[in-house]
Amino acid sequence: MMLEAYGVTESNWREATEKSPHFAISETPAFVGRAVAALAQDPNVSRWNGTSLSSGQLAKIYGFSDLDGSQPDAWRYVTEVQDAGKPADTTGYR
């Protein structure tokens, strides 16, 4: 739905950054799926009870990546870059 909203596909999704530069931090559904899979395989998953975590945080802990090999930390980016009014730059967030 997000790709459709921006008028792009998986193969050309980066074109959406022309209209919305901060879209550069977006992550694929596979990245979220890998986060869920990592949690499902963790025998100590209860350590996260009552905690809100992002895919980016879990990627660092469990060592998985998005389809392009990066580990986008979208929520940290949104807070530190987008909400802070800084220009789009995923350096250090991907």
C-alpha atoms as a PDB file:
ATOM      1  CA  MET A   1       0.000   0.000   0.000  1.00  0.00           C
ATOM      2  CA  MET A   2       2.854   2.381   0.754  1.00  0.00           C
ATOM      3  CA  LEU A   3       4.448   1.798  -2.629  1.00  0.00           C
ATOM      4  CA  GLU A   4       1.107   2.354  -4.321  1.00  0.00           C
ATOM      5  CA  ALA A   5       0.557   5.572  -2.356  1.00  0.00           C
ATOM      6  CA  TYR A   6       3.876   6.891  -3.652  1.00  0.00           C
ATOM      7  CA  GLY A   7       3.297   5.571  -7.179  1.00  0.00           C
ATOM      8  CA  VAL A   8       6.361   3.319  -7.157  1.00  0.00           C
ATOM      9  CA  THR A   9       7.180  -0.392  -7.134  1.00  0.00           C
ATOM     10  CA  GLU A  10       9.739  -2.504  -5.293  1.00  0.00           C
ATOM     11  CA  SER A  11      12.176  -2.088  -8.159  1.00  0.00           C
ATOM     12  CA  ASN A  12      11.989   1.715  -8.330  1.00  0.00           C
ATOM     13  CA  TRP A  13      10.952   2.664  -4.791  1.00  0.00           C
ATOM     14  CA  ARG A  14      13.816   5.124  -4.419  1.00  0.00           C
ATOM     15  CA  GLU A  15      12.086   7.377  -6.962  1.00  0.00           C
ATOM     16  CA  ALA A  16       9.593   8.216  -4.198  1.00  0.00           C
ATOM     17  CA  THR A  17      12.359  10.179  -2.481  1.00  0.00           C
ATOM     18  CA  GLU A  18      12.001  12.817  -5.192  1.00  0.00           C
ATOM     19  CA  LYS A  19       8.592  13.748  -3.726  1.00  0.00           C
ATOM     20  CA  SER A  20       9.317  12.772  -0.135  1.00  0.00           C
ATOM     21  CA  PRO A  21      13.065  12.742   0.619  1.00  0.00           C
ATOM     22  CA  HIS A  22      12.647  11.097   4.015  1.00  0.00           C
ATOM     23  CA  PHE A  23      11.120   8.048   2.307  1.00  0.00           C
ATOM     24  CA  ALA A  24      14.774   6.995   1.896  1.00  0.00           C
ATOM     25  CA  ILE A  25      14.667   5.416   5.356  1.00  0.00           C
ATOM     26  CA  SER A  26      11.772   3.118   4.486  1.00  0.00           C
ATOM     27  CA  GLU A  27      12.113  -0.595   5.053  1.00  0.00           C
ATOM     28  CA  THR A  28      10.646  -3.577   3.229  1.00  0.00           C
ATOM     29  CA  PRO A  29       7.975  -5.893   4.624  1.00  0.00           C
ATOM     30  CA  ALA A  30      10.683  -8.577   4.629  1.00  0.00           C
ATOM     31  CA  PHE A  31      12.636  -6.570   7.216  1.00  0.00           C
ATOM     32  CA  VAL A  32       9.674  -6.551   9.589  1.00  0.00           C
ATOM     33  CA  GLY A  33       9.150 -10.245   8.881  1.00  0.00           C
ATOM     34  CA  ARG A  34      12.734 -10.984   9.799  1.00  0.00           C
ATOM     35  CA  ALA A  35      12.221  -9.153  13.084  1.00  0.00           C
ATOM     36  CA  VAL A  36       9.193 -11.318  13.842  1.00  0.00           C
ATOM     37  CA  ALA A  37      11.102 -14.481  12.869  1.00  0.00           C
ATOM     38  CA  ALA A  38      14.012 -13.525  15.109  1.00  0.00           C
ATOM     39  CA  LEU A  39      11.686 -13.031  18.058  1.00  0.00           C
ATOM     40  CA  ALA A  40       9.904 -16.314  17.348  1.00  0.00           C
ATOM     41  CA  GLN A  41      13.224 -18.185  17.434  1.00  0.00           C
ATOM     42  CA  ASP A  42      14.532 -16.547  20.599  1.00  0.00           C
ATOM     43  CA  PRO A  43      14.235 -18.955  23.550  1.00  0.00           C
ATOM     44  CA  ASN A  44      14.540 -15.936  25.859  1.00  0.00           C
ATOM     45  CA  VAL A  45      11.914 -13.821  24.057  1.00  0.00           C
ATOM     46  CA  SER A  46      10.177 -13.068  27.364  1.00  0.00           C
ATOM     47  CA  ARG A  47      12.954 -10.561  28.103  1.00  0.00           C
ATOM     48  CA  TRP A  48      11.068  -8.216  25.755  1.00  0.00           C
ATOM     49  CA  ASN A  49       7.733  -8.493  27.602  1.00  0.00           C
ATOM     50  CA  GLY A  50       6.174  -5.051  28.009  1.00  0.00           C
ATOM     51  CA  THR A  51       8.735  -3.475  25.687  1.00  0.00           C
ATOM     52  CA  SER A  52       8.152  -1.609  22.459  1.00  0.00           C
ATOM     53  CA  LEU A  53      10.914  -2.322  19.934  1.00  0.00           C
ATOM     54  CA  SER A  54      11.535  -1.362  16.333  1.00  0.00           C
ATOM     55  CA  SER A  55      12.780  -3.560  13.522  1.00  0.00           C
ATOM     56  CA  GLY A  56      15.933  -1.442  13.449  1.00  0.00           C
ATOM     57  CA  GLN A  57      16.652  -2.105  17.112  1.00  0.00           C
ATOM     58  CA  LEU A  58      16.017  -5.817  16.706  1.00  0.00           C
ATOM     59  CA  ALA A  59      18.228  -5.985  13.598  1.00  0.00           C
ATOM     60  CA  LYS A  60      21.188  -4.785  15.641  1.00  0.00           C
ATOM     61  CA  ILE A  61      20.481  -7.307  18.391  1.00  0.00           C
ATOM     62  CA  TYR A  62      19.704 -10.350  16.227  1.00  0.00           C
ATOM     63  CA  GLY A  63      21.939  -9.515  13.245  1.00  0.00           C
ATOM     64  CA  PHE A  64      19.451  -9.598  10.366  1.00  0.00           C
ATOM     65  CA  SER A  65      19.216  -7.092   7.522  1.00  0.00           C
ATOM     66  CA  ASP A  66      16.780  -5.800   4.939  1.00  0.00           C
ATOM     67  CA  LEU A  67      16.764  -7.107   1.362  1.00  0.00           C
ATOM     68  CA  ASP A  68      19.427  -4.591   0.321  1.00  0.00           C
ATOM     69  CA  GLY A  69      21.742  -5.685   3.143  1.00  0.00           C
ATOM     70  CA  SER A  70      21.141  -2.569   5.262  1.00  0.00           C
ATOM     71  CA  GLN A  71      19.689  -2.284   8.752  1.00  0.00           C
ATOM     72  CA  PRO A  72      17.397   0.756   8.531  1.00  0.00           C
ATOM     73  CA  ASP A  73      16.722   2.363  11.892  1.00  0.00           C
ATOM     74  CA  ALA A  74      13.617   4.242  10.808  1.00  0.00           C
ATOM     75  CA  TRP A  75      12.281   5.324  14.192  1.00  0.00           C
ATOM     76  CA  ARG A  76      15.586   6.769  15.340  1.00  0.00           C
ATOM     77  CA  TYR A  77      15.870   8.512  11.965  1.00  0.00           C
ATOM     78  CA  VAL A  78      12.368   9.977  12.222  1.00  0.00           C
ATOM     79  CA  THR A  79      13.141  11.408  15.651  1.00  0.00           C
ATOM     80  CA  GLU A  80      16.684  12.623  15.031  1.00  0.00           C
ATOM     81  CA  VAL A  81      16.434  13.762  11.403  1.00  0.00           C
ATOM     82  CA  GLN A  82      12.897  14.183  10.091  1.00  0.00           C
ATOM     83  CA  ASP A  83      11.225  15.541  13.241  1.00  0.00           C
ATOM     84  CA  ALA A  84      14.270  17.705  13.929  1.00  0.00           C
ATOM     85  CA  GLY A  85      13.738  19.407  10.560  1.00  0.00           C
ATOM     86  CA  LYS A  86      17.044  18.270   9.109  1.00  0.00           C
ATOM     87  CA  PRO A  87      17.482  17.454   5.419  1.00  0.00           C
ATOM     88  CA  ALA A  88      17.037  13.819   4.403  1.00  0.00           C
ATOM     89  CA  ASP A  89      20.244  11.857   4.914  1.00  0.00           C
ATOM     90  CA  THR A  90      20.233   8.190   5.911  1.00  0.00           C
ATOM     91  CA  THR A  91      23.949   8.129   6.743  1.00  0.00           C
ATOM     92  CA  GLY A  92      24.272   6.258  10.025  1.00  0.00           C
ATOM     93  CA  TYR A  93      20.648   5.136   9.938  1.00  0.00           C
ATOM     94  CA  ARG A  94      20.809   2.474   7.246  1.00  0.00           C
END
